[in-house]
Amino acid sequence: MTTAAKLSPVKLNNVCVVIPVFRDAEPLHHLLNDLKCGAFQEIIVSYADDSECELANRENVKHINSPRSRGRQIAEGISCTDAEWIWVLHADVRVSRVAMLALHDALNQTNWGAFKVSLVGRSKLLSIIGFMMNLRSRWTSIYTGDQGMYVRSTLLDRIGGYPTIPLMEDVECSRLLRQHYRGSQLSVPLSVSARKWDSEGAIRTILNMWLCRILFFFGTSPETLADRYYR
């Protein structure tokens, strides 16, 4: 038996993990295996594609269906729990036991926050991009979904719940939350698959992301941006 197998689960009994997915069966399988290292109040997977439910059927995992919209999928998952804390994870993320321990400690010291990221892929630019993402989010307290945002449920209620928009939901949620408290960035990184960066090109992806942010800032609707981003 390995040393890791002897370790007791990290106690996160007041945390609900919410995972929005769309055609993410394989990475979701790996993420759910990672989460076995934690003892959560519950894990909710919010599907936009019914066919994926059977591919990731696990004990102690609640499955719900929602129209395809990352913000709405997350919001509907949150509506199904009464947990004190919400931890939003994307399927592309890999979570270590060390990250769970860091989250356990952070819950006693903050009201919301997120992790650093370590992008895993083929491009040599990913380490620089990851470094800049971590630096930008620490300065601005604006976090992205890949950074594993966690937030106290009562604080979510104060901002009117999780934004149900189809894109920029993480940016909008961060913006609303930081009006009350700055988010804490945990020093432990989450490993994030850079499959989109690899398939579409690192430079093209980063430019597209920043263009969407600029357009959102100047009032372009999230629906229009989602059509552009996922096209």
C-alpha atoms as a PDB file:
ATOM      1  CA  MET A   1       0.000   0.000   0.000  1.00  0.00           C
ATOM      2  CA  THR A   2       1.371   3.441  -0.931  1.00  0.00           C
ATOM      3  CA  THR A   3       1.906   6.238   1.553  1.00  0.00           C
ATOM      4  CA  ALA A   4      -0.775   8.319  -0.195  1.00  0.00           C
ATOM      5  CA  ALA A   5      -3.292   5.507   0.233  1.00  0.00           C
ATOM      6  CA  LYS A   6      -2.734   5.533   4.012  1.00  0.00           C
ATOM      7  CA  LEU A   7      -3.501   9.224   4.359  1.00  0.00           C
ATOM      8  CA  SER A   8      -6.919  10.147   5.663  1.00  0.00           C
ATOM      9  CA  PRO A   9      -9.144  12.328   3.434  1.00  0.00           C
ATOM     10  CA  VAL A  10      -8.787  16.076   3.871  1.00  0.00           C
ATOM     11  CA  LYS A  11     -11.782  17.215   5.917  1.00  0.00           C
ATOM     12  CA  LEU A  12     -13.797  19.661   3.834  1.00  0.00           C
ATOM     13  CA  ASN A  13     -17.191  18.594   5.146  1.00  0.00           C
ATOM     14  CA  ASN A  14     -18.632  22.101   4.812  1.00  0.00           C
ATOM     15  CA  VAL A  15     -17.642  22.421   1.131  1.00  0.00           C
ATOM     16  CA  CYS A  16     -19.671  21.632  -1.973  1.00  0.00           C
ATOM     17  CA  VAL A  17     -17.664  21.154  -5.173  1.00  0.00           C
ATOM     18  CA  VAL A  18     -19.502  22.330  -8.304  1.00  0.00           C
ATOM     19  CA  ILE A  19     -18.171  21.217 -11.690  1.00  0.00           C
ATOM     20  CA  PRO A  20     -19.735  22.547 -14.933  1.00  0.00           C
ATOM     21  CA  VAL A  21     -19.035  20.267 -17.883  1.00  0.00           C
ATOM     22  CA  PHE A  22     -19.670  20.048 -21.612  1.00  0.00           C
ATOM     23  CA  ARG A  23     -17.998  17.240 -23.558  1.00  0.00           C
ATOM     24  CA  ASP A  24     -15.467  16.829 -20.765  1.00  0.00           C
ATOM     25  CA  ALA A  25     -15.887  13.131 -19.906  1.00  0.00           C
ATOM     26  CA  GLU A  26     -12.193  12.188 -19.919  1.00  0.00           C
ATOM     27  CA  PRO A  27     -10.799  15.118 -17.892  1.00  0.00           C
ATOM     28  CA  LEU A  28     -13.789  14.867 -15.532  1.00  0.00           C
ATOM     29  CA  HIS A  29     -12.883  11.230 -14.844  1.00  0.00           C
ATOM     30  CA  HIS A  30      -9.397  12.297 -13.713  1.00  0.00           C
ATOM     31  CA  LEU A  31     -10.688  15.211 -11.634  1.00  0.00           C
ATOM     32  CA  LEU A  32     -13.175  13.023  -9.769  1.00  0.00           C
ATOM     33  CA  ASN A  33     -10.341  10.608  -8.978  1.00  0.00           C
ATOM     34  CA  ASP A  34      -8.340  13.528  -7.547  1.00  0.00           C
ATOM     35  CA  LEU A  35     -11.264  14.564  -5.355  1.00  0.00           C
ATOM     36  CA  LYS A  36     -11.280  11.183  -3.611  1.00  0.00           C
ATOM     37  CA  CYS A  37      -8.532  12.650  -1.414  1.00  0.00           C
ATOM     38  CA  GLY A  38     -11.083  14.996   0.149  1.00  0.00           C
ATOM     39  CA  ALA A  39     -14.113  14.478   2.373  1.00  0.00           C
ATOM     40  CA  PHE A  40     -16.649  16.988   1.002  1.00  0.00           C
ATOM     41  CA  GLN A  41     -20.231  17.699   1.946  1.00  0.00           C
ATOM     42  CA  GLU A  42     -21.064  16.859  -1.658  1.00  0.00           C
ATOM     43  CA  ILE A  43     -19.834  17.021  -5.244  1.00  0.00           C
ATOM     44  CA  ILE A  44     -22.227  18.274  -7.919  1.00  0.00           C
ATOM     45  CA  VAL A  45     -21.525  17.838 -11.632  1.00  0.00           C
ATOM     46  CA  SER A  46     -23.655  20.093 -13.819  1.00  0.00           C
ATOM     47  CA  TYR A  47     -23.982  18.671 -17.335  1.00  0.00           C
ATOM     48  CA  ALA A  48     -24.954  20.486 -20.496  1.00  0.00           C
ATOM     49  CA  ASP A  49     -24.945  17.190 -22.435  1.00  0.00           C
ATOM     50  CA  ASP A  50     -27.094  14.367 -21.048  1.00  0.00           C
ATOM     51  CA  SER A  51     -24.980  11.689 -22.715  1.00  0.00           C
ATOM     52  CA  GLU A  52     -22.024  12.452 -20.418  1.00  0.00           C
ATOM     53  CA  CYS A  53     -23.861  11.540 -17.205  1.00  0.00           C
ATOM     54  CA  GLU A  54     -23.321   7.801 -17.645  1.00  0.00           C
ATOM     55  CA  LEU A  55     -19.651   8.257 -18.520  1.00  0.00           C
ATOM     56  CA  ALA A  56     -18.792   9.682 -15.109  1.00  0.00           C
ATOM     57  CA  ASN A  57     -21.256   7.919 -12.842  1.00  0.00           C
ATOM     58  CA  ARG A  58     -19.711   7.781  -9.368  1.00  0.00           C
ATOM     59  CA  GLU A  59     -20.903   7.195  -5.857  1.00  0.00           C
ATOM     60  CA  ASN A  60     -21.294  10.323  -3.737  1.00  0.00           C
ATOM     61  CA  VAL A  61     -21.538  12.523  -6.837  1.00  0.00           C
ATOM     62  CA  LYS A  62     -24.783  14.325  -7.645  1.00  0.00           C
ATOM     63  CA  HIS A  63     -25.566  14.796 -11.327  1.00  0.00           C
ATOM     64  CA  ILE A  64     -27.790  17.568 -12.648  1.00  0.00           C
ATOM     65  CA  ASN A  65     -28.646  18.800 -16.137  1.00  0.00           C
ATOM     66  CA  SER A  66     -28.632  22.428 -17.215  1.00  0.00           C
ATOM     67  CA  PRO A  67     -28.803  24.282 -20.535  1.00  0.00           C
ATOM     68  CA  ARG A  68     -25.337  24.946 -21.914  1.00  0.00           C
ATOM     69  CA  SER A  69     -24.081  28.095 -20.213  1.00  0.00           C
ATOM     70  CA  ARG A  70     -21.199  27.836 -17.793  1.00  0.00           C
ATOM     71  CA  GLY A  71     -22.570  30.520 -15.492  1.00  0.00           C
ATOM     72  CA  ARG A  72     -26.018  28.964 -15.395  1.00  0.00           C
ATOM     73  CA  GLN A  73     -24.638  25.461 -14.939  1.00  0.00           C
ATOM     74  CA  ILE A  74     -22.650  26.646 -11.933  1.00  0.00           C
ATOM     75  CA  ALA A  75     -25.573  28.621 -10.498  1.00  0.00           C
ATOM     76  CA  GLU A  76     -27.939  25.660 -10.797  1.00  0.00           C
ATOM     77  CA  GLY A  77     -25.396  23.417  -9.112  1.00  0.00           C
ATOM     78  CA  ILE A  78     -25.083  25.898  -6.250  1.00  0.00           C
ATOM     79  CA  SER A  79     -28.867  26.024  -5.899  1.00  0.00           C
ATOM     80  CA  CYS A  80     -28.859  22.285  -5.107  1.00  0.00           C
ATOM     81  CA  THR A  81     -26.740  22.563  -1.967  1.00  0.00           C
ATOM     82  CA  ASP A  82     -26.869  24.166   1.468  1.00  0.00           C
ATOM     83  CA  ALA A  83     -23.105  23.897   2.044  1.00  0.00           C
ATOM     84  CA  GLU A  84     -21.346  26.745   3.821  1.00  0.00           C
ATOM     85  CA  TRP A  85     -18.697  26.939   1.099  1.00  0.00           C
ATOM     86  CA  ILE A  86     -18.783  26.555  -2.686  1.00  0.00           C
ATOM     87  CA  TRP A  87     -15.711  25.423  -4.627  1.00  0.00           C
ATOM     88  CA  VAL A  88     -16.049  25.783  -8.406  1.00  0.00           C
ATOM     89  CA  LEU A  89     -13.752  23.574 -10.466  1.00  0.00           C
ATOM     90  CA  HIS A  90     -13.483  23.186 -14.230  1.00  0.00           C
ATOM     91  CA  ALA A  91     -13.077  19.660 -15.573  1.00  0.00           C
ATOM     92  CA  ASP A  92      -9.659  20.509 -17.051  1.00  0.00           C
ATOM     93  CA  VAL A  93      -8.226  21.085 -13.576  1.00  0.00           C
ATOM     94  CA  ARG A  94      -6.188  18.556 -11.587  1.00  0.00           C
ATOM     95  CA  VAL A  95      -6.247  18.918  -7.803  1.00  0.00           C
ATOM     96  CA  SER A  96      -3.566  17.646  -5.439  1.00  0.00           C
ATOM     97  CA  ARG A  97      -4.002  16.716  -1.795  1.00  0.00           C
ATOM     98  CA  VAL A  98      -1.692  19.611  -0.924  1.00  0.00           C
ATOM     99  CA  ALA A  99      -4.126  21.983  -2.661  1.00  0.00           C
ATOM    100  CA  MET A 100      -6.987  20.580  -0.600  1.00  0.00           C
ATOM    101  CA  LEU A 101      -5.002  21.092   2.593  1.00  0.00           C
ATOM    102  CA  ALA A 102      -4.337  24.694   1.548  1.00  0.00           C
ATOM    103  CA  LEU A 103      -8.052  25.197   0.962  1.00  0.00           C
ATOM    104  CA  HIS A 104      -8.867  23.673   4.355  1.00  0.00           C
ATOM    105  CA  ASP A 105      -6.598  26.207   6.071  1.00  0.00           C
ATOM    106  CA  ALA A 106      -7.846  29.129   3.953  1.00  0.00           C
ATOM    107  CA  LEU A 107     -11.487  28.639   4.922  1.00  0.00           C
ATOM    108  CA  ASN A 108     -10.709  29.869   8.423  1.00  0.00           C
ATOM    109  CA  GLN A 109      -8.986  33.021   7.191  1.00  0.00           C
ATOM    110  CA  THR A 110     -10.928  34.455   4.255  1.00  0.00           C
ATOM    111  CA  ASN A 111     -14.327  34.838   2.601  1.00  0.00           C
ATOM    112  CA  TRP A 112     -13.353  33.957  -0.942  1.00  0.00           C
ATOM    113  CA  GLY A 113     -10.374  33.375  -3.163  1.00  0.00           C
ATOM    114  CA  ALA A 114      -8.714  31.091  -5.689  1.00  0.00           C
ATOM    115  CA  PHE A 115      -5.516  29.244  -6.493  1.00  0.00           C
ATOM    116  CA  LYS A 116      -2.534  29.891  -8.680  1.00  0.00           C
ATOM    117  CA  VAL A 117      -2.444  27.898 -11.909  1.00  0.00           C
ATOM    118  CA  SER A 118       0.192  25.816 -13.640  1.00  0.00           C
ATOM    119  CA  LEU A 119      -0.681  25.353 -17.318  1.00  0.00           C
ATOM    120  CA  VAL A 120       0.198  21.930 -18.717  1.00  0.00           C
ATOM    121  CA  GLY A 121       0.590  21.606 -22.487  1.00  0.00           C
ATOM    122  CA  ARG A 122       2.945  21.667 -25.448  1.00  0.00           C
ATOM    123  CA  SER A 123       3.586  25.382 -25.919  1.00  0.00           C
ATOM    124  CA  LYS A 124       6.803  26.782 -24.458  1.00  0.00           C
ATOM    125  CA  LEU A 125       4.916  29.990 -23.691  1.00  0.00           C
ATOM    126  CA  LEU A 126       2.632  28.362 -21.120  1.00  0.00           C
ATOM    127  CA  SER A 127       4.933  28.940 -18.151  1.00  0.00           C
ATOM    128  CA  ILE A 128       5.102  32.662 -18.978  1.00  0.00           C
ATOM    129  CA  ILE A 129       1.346  32.855 -19.549  1.00  0.00           C
ATOM    130  CA  GLY A 130       0.673  31.072 -16.250  1.00  0.00           C
ATOM    131  CA  PHE A 131       3.030  33.402 -14.398  1.00  0.00           C
ATOM    132  CA  MET A 132       1.305  36.466 -15.847  1.00  0.00           C
ATOM    133  CA  MET A 133      -2.154  35.056 -15.032  1.00  0.00           C
ATOM    134  CA  ASN A 134      -1.131  34.526 -11.411  1.00  0.00           C
ATOM    135  CA  LEU A 135       0.412  37.976 -11.160  1.00  0.00           C
ATOM    136  CA  ARG A 136      -2.569  39.701 -12.772  1.00  0.00           C
ATOM    137  CA  SER A 137      -5.125  37.938 -10.565  1.00  0.00           C
ATOM    138  CA  ARG A 138      -3.185  38.677  -7.384  1.00  0.00           C
ATOM    139  CA  TRP A 139      -3.022  42.395  -8.237  1.00  0.00           C
ATOM    140  CA  THR A 140      -6.594  42.794  -9.464  1.00  0.00           C
ATOM    141  CA  SER A 141      -8.435  40.163  -7.388  1.00  0.00           C
ATOM    142  CA  ILE A 142     -10.108  39.047 -10.632  1.00  0.00           C
ATOM    143  CA  TYR A 143      -9.936  35.276 -10.999  1.00  0.00           C
ATOM    144  CA  THR A 144     -10.819  32.872 -13.801  1.00  0.00           C
ATOM    145  CA  GLY A 145     -12.682  29.584 -13.540  1.00  0.00           C
ATOM    146  CA  ASP A 146      -9.509  27.540 -14.042  1.00  0.00           C
ATOM    147  CA  GLN A 147      -8.168  28.965 -10.787  1.00  0.00           C
ATOM    148  CA  GLY A 148     -10.654  27.053  -8.654  1.00  0.00           C
ATOM    149  CA  MET A 149     -12.593  29.893  -7.060  1.00  0.00           C
ATOM    150  CA  TYR A 150     -14.015  29.204  -3.585  1.00  0.00           C
ATOM    151  CA  VAL A 151     -16.542  31.430  -1.833  1.00  0.00           C
ATOM    152  CA  ARG A 152     -18.667  31.480   1.289  1.00  0.00           C
ATOM    153  CA  SER A 153     -22.335  30.862   0.416  1.00  0.00           C
ATOM    154  CA  THR A 154     -23.579  33.812   2.450  1.00  0.00           C
ATOM    155  CA  LEU A 155     -21.284  36.125   0.489  1.00  0.00           C
ATOM    156  CA  LEU A 156     -22.642  34.737  -2.774  1.00  0.00           C
ATOM    157  CA  ASP A 157     -26.126  35.565  -1.513  1.00  0.00           C
ATOM    158  CA  ARG A 158     -25.020  39.155  -0.836  1.00  0.00           C
ATOM    159  CA  ILE A 159     -24.031  39.653  -4.481  1.00  0.00           C
ATOM    160  CA  GLY A 160     -27.259  38.130  -5.779  1.00  0.00           C
ATOM    161  CA  GLY A 161     -25.921  34.641  -6.472  1.00  0.00           C
ATOM    162  CA  TYR A 162     -23.511  33.338  -9.057  1.00  0.00           C
ATOM    163  CA  PRO A 163     -23.840  35.179 -12.412  1.00  0.00           C
ATOM    164  CA  THR A 164     -25.779  33.053 -14.908  1.00  0.00           C
ATOM    165  CA  ILE A 165     -24.148  34.526 -18.008  1.00  0.00           C
ATOM    166  CA  PRO A 166     -22.611  32.153 -20.618  1.00  0.00           C
ATOM    167  CA  LEU A 167     -19.146  33.760 -20.655  1.00  0.00           C
ATOM    168  CA  MET A 168     -17.167  36.038 -18.334  1.00  0.00           C
ATOM    169  CA  GLU A 169     -19.152  34.602 -15.427  1.00  0.00           C
ATOM    170  CA  ASP A 170     -15.944  34.193 -13.412  1.00  0.00           C
ATOM    171  CA  VAL A 171     -14.784  37.756 -14.119  1.00  0.00           C
ATOM    172  CA  GLU A 172     -18.191  39.192 -13.230  1.00  0.00           C
ATOM    173  CA  CYS A 173     -18.387  37.107 -10.053  1.00  0.00           C
ATOM    174  CA  SER A 174     -14.913  38.296  -8.998  1.00  0.00           C
ATOM    175  CA  ARG A 175     -15.858  41.897  -9.722  1.00  0.00           C
ATOM    176  CA  LEU A 176     -18.944  41.662  -7.517  1.00  0.00           C
ATOM    177  CA  LEU A 177     -17.157  39.814  -4.716  1.00  0.00           C
ATOM    178  CA  ARG A 178     -14.241  42.231  -4.500  1.00  0.00           C
ATOM    179  CA  GLN A 179     -16.699  45.054  -3.794  1.00  0.00           C
ATOM    180  CA  HIS A 180     -16.995  43.404  -0.365  1.00  0.00           C
ATOM    181  CA  TYR A 181     -13.601  41.714   0.137  1.00  0.00           C
ATOM    182  CA  ARG A 182     -10.431  41.170  -1.826  1.00  0.00           C
ATOM    183  CA  GLY A 183      -9.988  37.557  -2.825  1.00  0.00           C
ATOM    184  CA  SER A 184      -7.092  35.559  -1.405  1.00  0.00           C
ATOM    185  CA  GLN A 185      -4.739  33.812  -3.809  1.00  0.00           C
ATOM    186  CA  LEU A 186      -3.438  30.527  -2.411  1.00  0.00           C
ATOM    187  CA  SER A 187       0.202  29.785  -3.114  1.00  0.00           C
ATOM    188  CA  VAL A 188      -0.433  26.162  -4.104  1.00  0.00           C
ATOM    189  CA  PRO A 189      -1.133  25.853  -7.852  1.00  0.00           C
ATOM    190  CA  LEU A 190      -3.769  23.800  -9.609  1.00  0.00           C
ATOM    191  CA  SER A 191      -2.593  21.983 -12.727  1.00  0.00           C
ATOM    192  CA  VAL A 192      -4.694  23.062 -15.702  1.00  0.00           C
ATOM    193  CA  SER A 193      -4.805  21.315 -19.063  1.00  0.00           C
ATOM    194  CA  ALA A 194      -3.924  23.715 -21.869  1.00  0.00           C
ATOM    195  CA  ARG A 195      -5.779  21.701 -24.531  1.00  0.00           C
ATOM    196  CA  LYS A 196      -7.469  24.823 -25.890  1.00  0.00           C
ATOM    197  CA  TRP A 197      -4.151  26.653 -26.021  1.00  0.00           C
ATOM    198  CA  ASP A 198      -2.543  23.698 -27.778  1.00  0.00           C
ATOM    199  CA  SER A 199      -5.329  23.237 -30.324  1.00  0.00           C
ATOM    200  CA  GLU A 200      -5.848  26.914 -31.196  1.00  0.00           C
ATOM    201  CA  GLY A 201      -2.362  28.313 -30.510  1.00  0.00           C
ATOM    202  CA  ALA A 202      -1.142  30.059 -27.355  1.00  0.00           C
ATOM    203  CA  ILE A 203      -0.847  33.551 -28.863  1.00  0.00           C
ATOM    204  CA  ARG A 204      -4.197  33.363 -30.630  1.00  0.00           C
ATOM    205  CA  THR A 205      -5.928  32.082 -27.480  1.00  0.00           C
ATOM    206  CA  ILE A 206      -4.527  34.775 -25.187  1.00  0.00           C
ATOM    207  CA  LEU A 207      -5.398  37.532 -27.673  1.00  0.00           C
ATOM    208  CA  ASN A 208      -8.916  36.170 -28.049  1.00  0.00           C
ATOM    209  CA  MET A 209      -9.376  36.038 -24.265  1.00  0.00           C
ATOM    210  CA  TRP A 210      -8.192  39.612 -23.797  1.00  0.00           C
ATOM    211  CA  LEU A 211     -10.328  40.855 -26.664  1.00  0.00           C
ATOM    212  CA  CYS A 212     -13.370  39.273 -25.021  1.00  0.00           C
ATOM    213  CA  ARG A 213     -12.493  40.971 -21.721  1.00  0.00           C
ATOM    214  CA  ILE A 214     -12.110  44.363 -23.375  1.00  0.00           C
ATOM    215  CA  LEU A 215     -15.380  44.003 -25.268  1.00  0.00           C
ATOM    216  CA  PHE A 216     -17.121  42.882 -22.059  1.00  0.00           C
ATOM    217  CA  PHE A 217     -15.731  45.902 -20.223  1.00  0.00           C
ATOM    218  CA  PHE A 218     -17.168  48.191 -22.902  1.00  0.00           C
ATOM    219  CA  GLY A 219     -20.607  46.612 -22.729  1.00  0.00           C
ATOM    220  CA  THR A 220     -20.707  43.781 -25.270  1.00  0.00           C
ATOM    221  CA  SER A 221     -23.235  41.189 -24.108  1.00  0.00           C
ATOM    222  CA  PRO A 222     -21.951  37.867 -22.698  1.00  0.00           C
ATOM    223  CA  GLU A 223     -24.154  36.038 -25.221  1.00  0.00           C
ATOM    224  CA  THR A 224     -22.415  37.759 -28.151  1.00  0.00           C
ATOM    225  CA  LEU A 225     -19.016  37.071 -26.617  1.00  0.00           C
ATOM    226  CA  ALA A 226     -19.864  33.410 -26.035  1.00  0.00           C
ATOM    227  CA  ASP A 227     -20.807  33.014 -29.703  1.00  0.00           C
ATOM    228  CA  ARG A 228     -17.464  34.491 -30.677  1.00  0.00           C
ATOM    229  CA  TYR A 229     -15.386  32.599 -28.122  1.00  0.00           C
ATOM    230  CA  TYR A 230     -16.836  29.134 -28.741  1.00  0.00           C
ATOM    231  CA  ARG A 231     -17.236  29.543 -32.500  1.00  0.00           C
END
